[in-house]
N, C-alpha and C. Protein backbone atom coordinates (compact mmCIF):
# COMPACT_ATOMS: atom_id res chain seq x y z
N MET A 1 74.34 -17.62 47.09
CA MET A 1 74.58 -18.28 45.82
C MET A 1 75.97 -18.92 45.83
N SER A 2 76.06 -20.17 45.41
CA SER A 2 77.34 -20.88 45.40
C SER A 2 78.21 -20.41 44.24
N SER A 3 79.51 -20.74 44.32
CA SER A 3 80.43 -20.38 43.24
C SER A 3 80.00 -21.03 41.93
N ARG A 4 79.49 -22.26 42.02
CA ARG A 4 79.03 -22.96 40.82
C ARG A 4 77.86 -22.23 40.19
N GLN A 5 76.91 -21.79 41.01
CA GLN A 5 75.75 -21.08 40.49
C GLN A 5 76.16 -19.76 39.83
N VAL A 6 77.14 -19.09 40.43
CA VAL A 6 77.63 -17.85 39.84
C VAL A 6 78.25 -18.13 38.48
N ALA A 7 79.07 -19.19 38.41
CA ALA A 7 79.71 -19.54 37.14
C ALA A 7 78.67 -19.86 36.06
N GLU A 8 77.64 -20.60 36.45
CA GLU A 8 76.60 -20.97 35.49
C GLU A 8 75.81 -19.75 35.01
N SER A 9 75.51 -18.83 35.94
CA SER A 9 74.69 -17.68 35.58
C SER A 9 75.45 -16.65 34.75
N THR A 10 76.78 -16.68 34.79
CA THR A 10 77.57 -15.71 34.03
C THR A 10 78.20 -16.30 32.77
N ALA A 11 77.99 -17.61 32.54
CA ALA A 11 78.67 -18.30 31.44
C ALA A 11 78.32 -17.72 30.08
N ASN A 12 77.11 -17.24 29.90
CA ASN A 12 76.67 -16.78 28.59
C ASN A 12 76.67 -15.26 28.45
N MET A 13 77.28 -14.58 29.38
CA MET A 13 77.35 -13.13 29.28
C MET A 13 78.30 -12.73 28.16
N GLU A 14 77.97 -11.64 27.50
CA GLU A 14 78.79 -11.18 26.38
C GLU A 14 80.21 -10.84 26.85
N LYS A 15 80.31 -10.23 28.02
CA LYS A 15 81.61 -9.90 28.59
C LYS A 15 81.78 -10.65 29.89
N GLU A 16 82.88 -11.37 30.01
CA GLU A 16 83.11 -12.16 31.22
C GLU A 16 83.33 -11.23 32.41
N PRO A 17 82.51 -11.35 33.44
CA PRO A 17 82.65 -10.47 34.60
C PRO A 17 83.77 -10.91 35.53
N THR A 18 84.26 -9.96 36.30
CA THR A 18 85.20 -10.29 37.37
C THR A 18 84.39 -10.67 38.60
N VAL A 19 84.61 -11.85 39.12
CA VAL A 19 83.86 -12.34 40.28
C VAL A 19 84.76 -12.38 41.49
N LEU A 20 84.34 -11.72 42.54
CA LEU A 20 85.07 -11.72 43.81
C LEU A 20 84.30 -12.61 44.78
N SER A 21 84.83 -13.77 45.07
CA SER A 21 84.15 -14.72 45.94
C SER A 21 84.61 -14.54 47.38
N LEU A 22 83.66 -14.35 48.28
CA LEU A 22 83.96 -14.13 49.69
C LEU A 22 83.38 -15.28 50.51
N ASP A 23 84.23 -15.98 51.21
CA ASP A 23 83.77 -17.13 52.00
C ASP A 23 84.56 -17.21 53.30
N PRO A 24 84.40 -16.23 54.19
CA PRO A 24 85.18 -16.20 55.43
C PRO A 24 84.74 -17.27 56.42
N GLN A 25 85.69 -17.69 57.25
CA GLN A 25 85.38 -18.64 58.31
C GLN A 25 85.62 -18.05 59.70
N TYR A 26 86.48 -17.04 59.76
CA TYR A 26 86.84 -16.44 61.05
C TYR A 26 86.68 -14.93 60.98
N LEU A 27 86.71 -14.26 62.12
CA LEU A 27 86.58 -12.81 62.14
C LEU A 27 87.68 -12.14 61.34
N GLY A 28 88.88 -12.66 61.43
CA GLY A 28 89.98 -12.09 60.67
C GLY A 28 89.74 -12.18 59.18
N ASP A 29 89.08 -13.25 58.74
CA ASP A 29 88.74 -13.40 57.33
C ASP A 29 87.75 -12.33 56.89
N VAL A 30 86.82 -11.98 57.77
CA VAL A 30 85.84 -10.94 57.44
C VAL A 30 86.56 -9.61 57.21
N LEU A 31 87.51 -9.29 58.07
CA LEU A 31 88.26 -8.05 57.90
C LEU A 31 89.05 -8.07 56.59
N GLU A 32 89.66 -9.21 56.29
CA GLU A 32 90.42 -9.31 55.05
C GLU A 32 89.52 -9.20 53.84
N ASP A 33 88.29 -9.71 53.93
CA ASP A 33 87.35 -9.58 52.82
C ASP A 33 86.99 -8.12 52.56
N VAL A 34 86.86 -7.34 53.63
CA VAL A 34 86.60 -5.91 53.47
C VAL A 34 87.77 -5.27 52.71
N ARG A 35 88.97 -5.66 53.06
CA ARG A 35 90.14 -5.12 52.35
C ARG A 35 90.15 -5.56 50.89
N ARG A 36 89.76 -6.80 50.63
CA ARG A 36 89.71 -7.30 49.25
C ARG A 36 88.71 -6.51 48.41
N VAL A 37 87.55 -6.24 49.01
CA VAL A 37 86.55 -5.44 48.30
C VAL A 37 87.11 -4.03 48.06
N GLY A 38 87.80 -3.50 49.04
CA GLY A 38 88.41 -2.17 48.88
C GLY A 38 89.41 -2.15 47.74
N ARG A 39 90.25 -3.18 47.65
CA ARG A 39 91.23 -3.23 46.56
C ARG A 39 90.54 -3.39 45.21
N ALA A 40 89.48 -4.20 45.18
CA ALA A 40 88.79 -4.46 43.92
C ALA A 40 88.04 -3.24 43.41
N THR A 41 87.67 -2.34 44.32
CA THR A 41 86.87 -1.17 43.93
C THR A 41 87.66 0.13 44.00
N GLY A 42 88.95 0.03 44.22
CA GLY A 42 89.76 1.23 44.32
C GLY A 42 89.49 2.04 45.56
N SER A 43 89.05 1.39 46.61
CA SER A 43 88.69 2.09 47.86
C SER A 43 89.53 1.58 49.02
N GLU A 44 90.82 1.36 48.77
CA GLU A 44 91.68 0.77 49.81
C GLU A 44 91.71 1.60 51.09
N SER A 45 91.79 2.92 50.96
CA SER A 45 91.90 3.75 52.16
C SER A 45 90.64 3.67 53.01
N VAL A 46 89.49 3.64 52.37
CA VAL A 46 88.23 3.51 53.11
C VAL A 46 88.17 2.15 53.79
N ALA A 47 88.58 1.10 53.07
CA ALA A 47 88.56 -0.24 53.65
C ALA A 47 89.48 -0.33 54.86
N GLU A 48 90.63 0.31 54.79
CA GLU A 48 91.55 0.29 55.92
C GLU A 48 90.97 1.02 57.13
N GLN A 49 90.27 2.10 56.88
CA GLN A 49 89.63 2.82 57.98
C GLN A 49 88.55 1.96 58.64
N VAL A 50 87.76 1.29 57.79
CA VAL A 50 86.69 0.44 58.31
C VAL A 50 87.26 -0.71 59.12
N THR A 51 88.25 -1.40 58.57
CA THR A 51 88.82 -2.56 59.27
C THR A 51 89.58 -2.13 60.53
N ALA A 52 90.16 -0.96 60.53
CA ALA A 52 90.85 -0.48 61.73
C ALA A 52 89.85 -0.29 62.87
N ARG A 53 88.68 0.27 62.54
CA ARG A 53 87.64 0.44 63.57
C ARG A 53 87.13 -0.91 64.06
N MET A 54 86.93 -1.83 63.12
CA MET A 54 86.46 -3.17 63.50
C MET A 54 87.48 -3.86 64.40
N GLN A 55 88.76 -3.79 64.01
CA GLN A 55 89.80 -4.43 64.82
C GLN A 55 89.90 -3.81 66.19
N GLY A 56 89.73 -2.50 66.26
CA GLY A 56 89.76 -1.83 67.56
C GLY A 56 88.67 -2.32 68.48
N ARG A 57 87.48 -2.53 67.94
CA ARG A 57 86.37 -3.04 68.76
C ARG A 57 86.62 -4.48 69.19
N ILE A 58 87.16 -5.29 68.29
CA ILE A 58 87.50 -6.68 68.64
C ILE A 58 88.53 -6.69 69.76
N ASP A 59 89.57 -5.87 69.62
CA ASP A 59 90.63 -5.81 70.63
C ASP A 59 90.09 -5.35 71.97
N ALA A 60 89.17 -4.39 71.95
CA ALA A 60 88.59 -3.88 73.20
C ALA A 60 87.87 -4.99 73.95
N VAL A 61 87.15 -5.84 73.22
CA VAL A 61 86.45 -6.96 73.85
C VAL A 61 87.44 -7.98 74.40
N THR A 62 88.37 -8.39 73.59
CA THR A 62 89.30 -9.45 74.03
C THR A 62 90.15 -8.99 75.21
N GLN A 63 90.58 -7.75 75.20
CA GLN A 63 91.42 -7.27 76.30
C GLN A 63 90.65 -7.20 77.61
N ARG A 64 89.39 -6.75 77.53
CA ARG A 64 88.60 -6.70 78.76
C ARG A 64 88.22 -8.10 79.22
N ALA A 65 87.92 -9.00 78.27
CA ALA A 65 87.55 -10.36 78.63
C ALA A 65 88.69 -11.08 79.34
N GLU A 66 89.92 -10.70 79.05
CA GLU A 66 91.07 -11.32 79.71
C GLU A 66 91.11 -11.02 81.19
N LEU A 67 90.35 -10.05 81.65
CA LEU A 67 90.29 -9.70 83.07
C LEU A 67 89.39 -10.65 83.86
N ALA A 68 88.62 -11.48 83.14
CA ALA A 68 87.66 -12.37 83.80
C ALA A 68 88.37 -13.45 84.61
N ASP A 69 87.83 -13.74 85.77
CA ASP A 69 88.37 -14.79 86.62
C ASP A 69 87.83 -16.16 86.25
N ILE A 70 86.68 -16.18 85.61
CA ILE A 70 86.04 -17.44 85.22
C ILE A 70 85.70 -17.40 83.74
N HIS A 71 85.51 -18.57 83.16
CA HIS A 71 85.16 -18.67 81.75
C HIS A 71 83.95 -19.60 81.64
N PRO A 72 82.74 -19.04 81.72
CA PRO A 72 81.53 -19.86 81.77
C PRO A 72 81.39 -20.77 80.56
N ARG A 73 80.78 -21.93 80.78
CA ARG A 73 80.48 -22.86 79.68
C ARG A 73 79.30 -22.32 78.89
N VAL A 74 79.50 -22.13 77.59
CA VAL A 74 78.49 -21.51 76.74
C VAL A 74 77.97 -22.51 75.71
N LEU A 75 76.65 -22.66 75.69
CA LEU A 75 76.00 -23.48 74.68
C LEU A 75 75.38 -22.54 73.65
N HIS A 76 75.85 -22.59 72.42
CA HIS A 76 75.25 -21.80 71.36
C HIS A 76 74.51 -22.74 70.43
N LEU A 77 73.25 -22.44 70.19
CA LEU A 77 72.39 -23.31 69.39
C LEU A 77 72.01 -22.59 68.09
N GLU A 78 72.55 -23.07 66.99
CA GLU A 78 72.27 -22.48 65.69
C GLU A 78 70.98 -23.02 65.09
N TRP A 79 70.46 -24.09 65.67
CA TRP A 79 69.17 -24.63 65.25
C TRP A 79 68.58 -25.40 66.41
N THR A 80 67.24 -25.50 66.45
CA THR A 80 66.59 -26.15 67.58
C THR A 80 65.99 -27.50 67.26
N ASP A 81 65.71 -27.78 66.00
CA ASP A 81 65.15 -29.09 65.62
C ASP A 81 65.55 -29.40 64.18
N PRO A 82 66.62 -30.18 64.00
CA PRO A 82 67.43 -30.82 65.04
C PRO A 82 68.34 -29.82 65.75
N LEU A 83 68.76 -30.18 66.94
CA LEU A 83 69.69 -29.33 67.68
C LEU A 83 71.02 -29.27 66.95
N MET A 84 71.54 -28.05 66.78
CA MET A 84 72.84 -27.88 66.14
C MET A 84 73.58 -26.74 66.84
N CYS A 85 74.88 -26.93 67.02
CA CYS A 85 75.70 -25.86 67.59
C CYS A 85 76.27 -25.01 66.46
N GLY A 86 76.75 -23.83 66.80
CA GLY A 86 77.37 -22.96 65.82
C GLY A 86 78.76 -23.45 65.46
N GLY A 87 79.27 -22.95 64.35
CA GLY A 87 80.60 -23.34 63.90
C GLY A 87 81.44 -22.14 63.49
N HIS A 88 82.71 -22.40 63.25
CA HIS A 88 83.67 -21.40 62.77
C HIS A 88 83.68 -20.15 63.63
N TRP A 89 83.14 -19.02 63.10
CA TRP A 89 83.30 -17.76 63.83
C TRP A 89 82.49 -17.72 65.12
N VAL A 90 81.44 -18.53 65.27
CA VAL A 90 80.67 -18.48 66.51
C VAL A 90 81.49 -19.00 67.69
N PRO A 91 82.07 -20.20 67.62
CA PRO A 91 82.95 -20.62 68.72
C PRO A 91 84.12 -19.66 68.93
N GLU A 92 84.64 -19.10 67.85
CA GLU A 92 85.73 -18.14 67.99
C GLU A 92 85.27 -16.92 68.78
N MET A 93 84.08 -16.42 68.48
CA MET A 93 83.54 -15.26 69.18
C MET A 93 83.35 -15.56 70.67
N VAL A 94 82.86 -16.75 70.97
CA VAL A 94 82.68 -17.15 72.37
C VAL A 94 84.02 -17.14 73.11
N GLU A 95 85.05 -17.66 72.48
CA GLU A 95 86.38 -17.67 73.09
C GLU A 95 86.90 -16.25 73.31
N LEU A 96 86.77 -15.41 72.28
CA LEU A 96 87.26 -14.04 72.39
C LEU A 96 86.52 -13.28 73.48
N ALA A 97 85.25 -13.62 73.69
CA ALA A 97 84.42 -12.94 74.70
C ALA A 97 84.62 -13.52 76.10
N GLY A 98 85.51 -14.48 76.24
CA GLY A 98 85.82 -15.01 77.57
C GLY A 98 85.00 -16.19 78.01
N GLY A 99 84.39 -16.90 77.06
CA GLY A 99 83.63 -18.09 77.40
C GLY A 99 84.32 -19.36 76.98
N THR A 100 83.76 -20.50 77.41
CA THR A 100 84.24 -21.83 77.02
C THR A 100 83.13 -22.52 76.25
N ASN A 101 83.43 -22.97 75.05
CA ASN A 101 82.41 -23.63 74.23
C ASN A 101 82.05 -25.00 74.79
N CYS A 102 80.76 -25.23 74.97
CA CYS A 102 80.32 -26.58 75.33
C CYS A 102 80.53 -27.54 74.16
N PHE A 103 80.28 -27.03 72.94
CA PHE A 103 80.43 -27.83 71.73
C PHE A 103 80.98 -26.95 70.62
N GLY A 104 81.67 -27.61 69.68
CA GLY A 104 82.16 -26.91 68.51
C GLY A 104 83.46 -26.17 68.79
N ASP A 105 84.20 -25.91 67.74
CA ASP A 105 85.38 -25.07 67.82
C ASP A 105 85.54 -24.35 66.49
N LYS A 106 86.42 -23.39 66.46
CA LYS A 106 86.52 -22.52 65.29
C LYS A 106 87.08 -23.22 64.05
N GLU A 107 87.57 -24.44 64.21
CA GLU A 107 88.06 -25.19 63.04
C GLU A 107 86.94 -25.97 62.36
N MET A 108 85.78 -26.02 62.98
CA MET A 108 84.69 -26.86 62.47
C MET A 108 83.46 -26.03 62.14
N GLY A 109 82.65 -26.55 61.23
CA GLY A 109 81.35 -25.96 60.97
C GLY A 109 80.35 -26.44 62.01
N SER A 110 79.11 -26.03 61.86
CA SER A 110 78.07 -26.46 62.79
C SER A 110 77.79 -27.95 62.62
N PHE A 111 77.30 -28.60 63.68
CA PHE A 111 76.98 -30.02 63.60
C PHE A 111 75.88 -30.35 64.60
N PRO A 112 75.17 -31.49 64.37
CA PRO A 112 74.04 -31.85 65.24
C PRO A 112 74.48 -32.24 66.65
N LEU A 113 73.58 -32.05 67.60
CA LEU A 113 73.82 -32.42 68.99
C LEU A 113 72.72 -33.34 69.48
N GLU A 114 73.07 -34.24 70.38
CA GLU A 114 72.08 -35.04 71.09
C GLU A 114 71.71 -34.33 72.38
N TRP A 115 70.42 -34.33 72.71
CA TRP A 115 69.98 -33.62 73.91
C TRP A 115 70.67 -34.15 75.16
N GLU A 116 70.88 -35.45 75.22
CA GLU A 116 71.55 -36.03 76.38
C GLU A 116 72.94 -35.42 76.57
N ALA A 117 73.64 -35.17 75.46
CA ALA A 117 74.97 -34.57 75.53
C ALA A 117 74.88 -33.12 76.01
N VAL A 118 73.83 -32.43 75.58
CA VAL A 118 73.63 -31.06 76.03
C VAL A 118 73.45 -31.01 77.53
N VAL A 119 72.61 -31.91 78.06
CA VAL A 119 72.38 -31.95 79.51
C VAL A 119 73.69 -32.26 80.24
N GLU A 120 74.45 -33.20 79.72
CA GLU A 120 75.73 -33.56 80.35
C GLU A 120 76.72 -32.41 80.34
N SER A 121 76.63 -31.53 79.34
CA SER A 121 77.59 -30.42 79.24
C SER A 121 77.35 -29.34 80.29
N GLN A 122 76.16 -29.33 80.91
CA GLN A 122 75.83 -28.39 81.98
C GLN A 122 76.19 -26.94 81.63
N PRO A 123 75.59 -26.40 80.57
CA PRO A 123 75.92 -25.03 80.16
C PRO A 123 75.54 -24.01 81.21
N GLU A 124 76.41 -23.03 81.38
CA GLU A 124 76.17 -21.94 82.32
C GLU A 124 75.55 -20.72 81.63
N VAL A 125 75.73 -20.65 80.32
CA VAL A 125 75.10 -19.62 79.49
C VAL A 125 74.57 -20.32 78.25
N ILE A 126 73.33 -20.04 77.87
CA ILE A 126 72.76 -20.59 76.64
C ILE A 126 72.38 -19.43 75.73
N VAL A 127 72.85 -19.49 74.50
CA VAL A 127 72.50 -18.47 73.51
C VAL A 127 71.81 -19.17 72.34
N VAL A 128 70.53 -18.87 72.16
CA VAL A 128 69.75 -19.45 71.07
C VAL A 128 69.87 -18.52 69.87
N MET A 129 70.41 -19.04 68.76
CA MET A 129 70.68 -18.21 67.59
C MET A 129 70.30 -18.94 66.30
N PRO A 130 69.00 -19.27 66.12
CA PRO A 130 68.59 -19.99 64.91
C PRO A 130 69.02 -19.25 63.65
N CYS A 131 69.67 -19.97 62.76
CA CYS A 131 70.30 -19.38 61.59
C CYS A 131 69.31 -18.54 60.76
N GLY A 132 69.63 -17.25 60.62
CA GLY A 132 68.83 -16.37 59.78
C GLY A 132 67.60 -15.78 60.43
N PHE A 133 67.35 -16.10 61.72
CA PHE A 133 66.14 -15.61 62.39
C PHE A 133 66.44 -14.38 63.24
N GLU A 134 65.51 -13.41 63.22
CA GLU A 134 65.55 -12.32 64.18
C GLU A 134 64.89 -12.81 65.47
N VAL A 135 64.93 -11.99 66.51
CA VAL A 135 64.48 -12.43 67.84
C VAL A 135 63.03 -12.90 67.86
N PRO A 136 62.06 -12.16 67.31
CA PRO A 136 60.66 -12.62 67.40
C PRO A 136 60.45 -14.00 66.78
N ARG A 137 61.07 -14.25 65.64
CA ARG A 137 60.89 -15.56 65.01
C ARG A 137 61.60 -16.65 65.80
N ALA A 138 62.76 -16.35 66.33
CA ALA A 138 63.48 -17.34 67.13
C ALA A 138 62.71 -17.69 68.39
N MET A 139 62.00 -16.73 68.96
CA MET A 139 61.22 -16.98 70.17
C MET A 139 60.16 -18.04 69.95
N GLU A 140 59.66 -18.14 68.72
CA GLU A 140 58.62 -19.13 68.42
C GLU A 140 59.13 -20.56 68.59
N ASP A 141 60.44 -20.76 68.47
CA ASP A 141 61.00 -22.10 68.57
C ASP A 141 61.44 -22.47 69.99
N LEU A 142 61.32 -21.54 70.92
CA LEU A 142 61.78 -21.82 72.29
C LEU A 142 61.11 -23.04 72.94
N PRO A 143 59.80 -23.27 72.72
CA PRO A 143 59.19 -24.45 73.34
C PRO A 143 59.88 -25.76 72.95
N LEU A 144 60.54 -25.79 71.80
CA LEU A 144 61.28 -26.99 71.40
C LEU A 144 62.40 -27.29 72.39
N LEU A 145 62.82 -26.28 73.13
CA LEU A 145 63.86 -26.46 74.15
C LEU A 145 63.25 -26.55 75.54
N THR A 146 62.37 -25.61 75.86
CA THR A 146 61.88 -25.52 77.23
C THR A 146 61.04 -26.71 77.65
N GLU A 147 60.50 -27.46 76.67
CA GLU A 147 59.69 -28.63 77.00
C GLU A 147 60.50 -29.91 77.09
N LYS A 148 61.80 -29.82 76.87
CA LYS A 148 62.65 -31.01 76.94
C LYS A 148 62.92 -31.40 78.39
N GLU A 149 63.03 -32.70 78.61
CA GLU A 149 63.33 -33.20 79.96
C GLU A 149 64.71 -32.73 80.39
N GLY A 150 64.76 -32.14 81.57
CA GLY A 150 66.04 -31.68 82.11
C GLY A 150 66.35 -30.23 81.82
N TRP A 151 65.52 -29.57 81.01
CA TRP A 151 65.76 -28.17 80.68
C TRP A 151 65.83 -27.30 81.92
N ASN A 152 64.83 -27.42 82.78
CA ASN A 152 64.75 -26.53 83.95
C ASN A 152 65.88 -26.73 84.94
N ALA A 153 66.59 -27.86 84.85
CA ALA A 153 67.67 -28.12 85.79
C ALA A 153 69.03 -27.65 85.27
N LEU A 154 69.10 -27.17 84.03
CA LEU A 154 70.38 -26.71 83.50
C LEU A 154 70.85 -25.47 84.26
N PRO A 155 72.14 -25.36 84.55
CA PRO A 155 72.64 -24.19 85.29
C PRO A 155 72.25 -22.86 84.65
N ALA A 156 72.30 -22.77 83.34
CA ALA A 156 71.95 -21.51 82.67
C ALA A 156 70.50 -21.14 82.92
N VAL A 157 69.62 -22.14 82.95
CA VAL A 157 68.20 -21.89 83.20
C VAL A 157 67.99 -21.54 84.67
N GLN A 158 68.62 -22.27 85.54
CA GLN A 158 68.49 -22.02 86.98
C GLN A 158 68.93 -20.60 87.35
N ASN A 159 69.92 -20.09 86.63
CA ASN A 159 70.49 -18.79 86.94
C ASN A 159 70.05 -17.68 85.98
N ASP A 160 68.98 -17.96 85.23
CA ASP A 160 68.41 -16.96 84.32
C ASP A 160 69.44 -16.41 83.33
N ARG A 161 70.21 -17.31 82.74
CA ARG A 161 71.23 -16.88 81.78
C ARG A 161 71.01 -17.56 80.43
N VAL A 162 69.78 -17.44 79.96
CA VAL A 162 69.39 -17.96 78.65
C VAL A 162 69.00 -16.76 77.79
N TYR A 163 69.54 -16.70 76.58
CA TYR A 163 69.31 -15.56 75.71
C TYR A 163 68.92 -16.01 74.31
N VAL A 164 68.16 -15.17 73.65
CA VAL A 164 67.89 -15.32 72.22
C VAL A 164 68.51 -14.11 71.53
N ILE A 165 69.29 -14.34 70.49
CA ILE A 165 69.99 -13.27 69.79
C ILE A 165 69.43 -13.10 68.39
N ASP A 166 69.52 -11.91 67.87
CA ASP A 166 69.14 -11.64 66.48
C ASP A 166 70.22 -12.23 65.58
N ALA A 167 70.07 -13.50 65.26
CA ALA A 167 71.09 -14.20 64.49
C ALA A 167 71.19 -13.67 63.07
N SER A 168 70.07 -13.24 62.51
CA SER A 168 70.07 -12.73 61.14
C SER A 168 71.06 -11.59 60.98
N ASN A 169 71.15 -10.75 62.00
CA ASN A 169 72.02 -9.58 61.91
C ASN A 169 73.40 -9.78 62.52
N TYR A 170 73.51 -10.63 63.56
CA TYR A 170 74.71 -10.58 64.37
C TYR A 170 75.52 -11.87 64.49
N THR A 171 75.00 -13.01 64.04
CA THR A 171 75.79 -14.23 64.15
C THR A 171 75.76 -15.12 62.92
N SER A 172 74.70 -15.09 62.13
CA SER A 172 74.56 -16.03 61.02
C SER A 172 75.32 -15.62 59.77
N ARG A 173 75.39 -14.33 59.53
CA ARG A 173 75.93 -13.85 58.27
C ARG A 173 77.36 -13.35 58.46
N SER A 174 78.23 -13.81 57.59
CA SER A 174 79.67 -13.55 57.74
C SER A 174 80.05 -12.18 57.21
N GLY A 175 79.62 -11.13 57.92
CA GLY A 175 79.91 -9.77 57.52
C GLY A 175 80.36 -8.93 58.69
N PRO A 176 80.54 -7.63 58.49
CA PRO A 176 81.06 -6.74 59.54
C PRO A 176 80.26 -6.71 60.83
N ARG A 177 78.93 -7.00 60.75
CA ARG A 177 78.13 -6.95 61.98
C ARG A 177 78.43 -8.08 62.94
N LEU A 178 79.28 -9.03 62.53
CA LEU A 178 79.74 -10.04 63.49
C LEU A 178 80.48 -9.38 64.65
N VAL A 179 81.08 -8.23 64.41
CA VAL A 179 81.78 -7.54 65.50
C VAL A 179 80.78 -7.10 66.57
N THR A 180 79.61 -6.63 66.14
CA THR A 180 78.56 -6.32 67.10
C THR A 180 78.09 -7.60 67.79
N GLY A 181 78.02 -8.70 67.05
CA GLY A 181 77.68 -9.99 67.66
C GLY A 181 78.66 -10.37 68.75
N LEU A 182 79.93 -10.12 68.51
CA LEU A 182 80.95 -10.39 69.53
C LEU A 182 80.69 -9.56 70.78
N GLU A 183 80.37 -8.30 70.60
CA GLU A 183 80.09 -7.43 71.74
C GLU A 183 78.86 -7.90 72.51
N ILE A 184 77.84 -8.32 71.78
CA ILE A 184 76.63 -8.84 72.42
C ILE A 184 76.97 -10.07 73.26
N LEU A 185 77.70 -11.00 72.69
CA LEU A 185 78.08 -12.21 73.41
C LEU A 185 78.92 -11.88 74.63
N ALA A 186 79.77 -10.89 74.52
CA ALA A 186 80.61 -10.50 75.65
C ALA A 186 79.77 -10.07 76.84
N GLU A 187 78.71 -9.29 76.58
CA GLU A 187 77.85 -8.86 77.69
C GLU A 187 77.05 -10.02 78.25
N MET A 188 76.64 -10.96 77.40
CA MET A 188 75.91 -12.12 77.89
C MET A 188 76.81 -13.01 78.77
N ILE A 189 78.05 -13.18 78.35
CA ILE A 189 78.95 -14.09 79.04
C ILE A 189 79.56 -13.45 80.28
N HIS A 190 79.88 -12.16 80.19
CA HIS A 190 80.52 -11.46 81.32
C HIS A 190 79.83 -10.13 81.60
N PRO A 191 78.59 -10.17 82.11
CA PRO A 191 77.90 -8.92 82.41
C PRO A 191 78.59 -8.09 83.48
N GLU A 192 79.48 -8.73 84.25
CA GLU A 192 80.23 -7.99 85.26
C GLU A 192 81.31 -7.11 84.64
N LEU A 193 81.66 -7.39 83.38
CA LEU A 193 82.70 -6.63 82.69
C LEU A 193 82.16 -5.75 81.57
N PHE A 194 81.03 -6.13 80.99
CA PHE A 194 80.49 -5.43 79.83
C PHE A 194 79.06 -4.97 80.09
N SER A 195 78.74 -3.81 79.59
CA SER A 195 77.35 -3.32 79.64
C SER A 195 77.13 -2.36 78.48
N GLY A 196 75.86 -2.21 78.09
CA GLY A 196 75.53 -1.29 77.02
C GLY A 196 75.98 -1.75 75.65
N MET A 197 76.27 -3.05 75.50
CA MET A 197 76.78 -3.57 74.23
C MET A 197 75.69 -4.13 73.32
N ILE A 198 74.48 -4.27 73.85
CA ILE A 198 73.41 -4.94 73.10
C ILE A 198 72.49 -3.91 72.46
N PRO A 199 72.43 -3.86 71.13
CA PRO A 199 71.54 -2.91 70.46
C PRO A 199 70.07 -3.21 70.77
N GLU A 200 69.24 -2.20 70.61
CA GLU A 200 67.80 -2.40 70.80
C GLU A 200 67.32 -3.49 69.84
N ALA A 201 66.56 -4.43 70.35
CA ALA A 201 66.04 -5.57 69.60
C ALA A 201 67.13 -6.55 69.17
N GLY A 202 68.35 -6.36 69.68
CA GLY A 202 69.45 -7.25 69.29
C GLY A 202 69.43 -8.59 69.99
N ALA A 203 68.80 -8.65 71.16
CA ALA A 203 68.77 -9.89 71.92
C ALA A 203 67.68 -9.79 72.98
N ARG A 204 67.33 -10.94 73.53
CA ARG A 204 66.32 -10.98 74.59
C ARG A 204 66.72 -12.03 75.61
N ARG A 205 66.57 -11.70 76.85
CA ARG A 205 66.90 -12.63 77.93
C ARG A 205 65.66 -13.44 78.28
N ILE A 206 65.85 -14.74 78.43
CA ILE A 206 64.76 -15.66 78.72
C ILE A 206 64.94 -16.21 80.11
N TYR A 207 63.94 -16.08 80.94
CA TYR A 207 64.05 -16.53 82.32
C TYR A 207 63.77 -18.02 82.41
N GLY A 208 64.12 -18.58 83.54
CA GLY A 208 64.07 -20.03 83.73
C GLY A 208 62.73 -20.67 83.46
N SER A 209 61.66 -19.94 83.73
CA SER A 209 60.33 -20.48 83.52
C SER A 209 59.90 -20.45 82.05
N GLY A 210 60.72 -19.81 81.21
CA GLY A 210 60.37 -19.70 79.80
C GLY A 210 59.77 -18.37 79.43
N ARG A 211 59.49 -17.50 80.43
CA ARG A 211 58.96 -16.19 80.11
C ARG A 211 60.11 -15.27 79.71
N GLY A 212 59.80 -14.27 78.92
CA GLY A 212 60.86 -13.42 78.34
C GLY A 212 61.06 -12.14 79.10
N GLY A 213 62.22 -11.55 78.88
CA GLY A 213 62.53 -10.23 79.43
C GLY A 213 63.59 -9.61 78.57
N SER A 214 63.84 -8.34 78.74
CA SER A 214 64.85 -7.68 77.92
C SER A 214 66.24 -8.05 78.40
N ALA A 215 67.20 -8.03 77.48
CA ALA A 215 68.56 -8.43 77.84
C ALA A 215 69.24 -7.38 78.69
C-alpha cells in the first residue's frame, strides 16, 4: 500500500493514527527500519539484538567473499517478459557476495533489458528471481528464457550455473530475510567459499539443457 493510500484510508478515522512508513533501498536501510520499529514499539533492546545478528551474518558473507580471486559476472532477472534486472538491494547483495553485476547498480531500481544486451554481457552466473514468485511458479517462466536464441551458448548455461531463487521470500521483499537472500547468492556465486547457505526449497539449480536439479 502506498503512502497516499494509507493517508486516504485513515483520513476519516476518529483518532489520527501514527503511521510508520518503511521504504528501504539497501540492506542497511532494512536494519535501520527494524530499529525504527523497535523505537516505535518500545522494543529497542530486542531490535538491537535482532539487527546485531543480521549485521553479523552480513559481515560473515562479505569478509569471506573478499577471499575470492575472481568476481563472476552475475545476471539477475527480476522479470522474464519483459526482461528486467533487479535494482537497489539486489545489485548490492551481488556485490557483497563477491559478484559483478551485468546490469543495474544499487543506486537504481529495476529496469528493462534487451536480449541482445544480455547475450553481449556473457553472464557467468544467472539468477532468475521473478518478483514475488516462489521457485515452482518461477520455474513455469523458464521457457521464456531457454527458448531464446543464444541461450545455450551463454557461459552460465554452458557451465551449469543457472539458478531459480525463491524471490517471494529472499529477494523481492525488503525485510530481514534479505540477509538469507544474501547468503543464498553467496553460495551461488562462490560455491568454493560457501556451502550449506541455501534453505530447503529456497532455490533450484537449472542445468544447461533446461532440466532442473537441486541447488
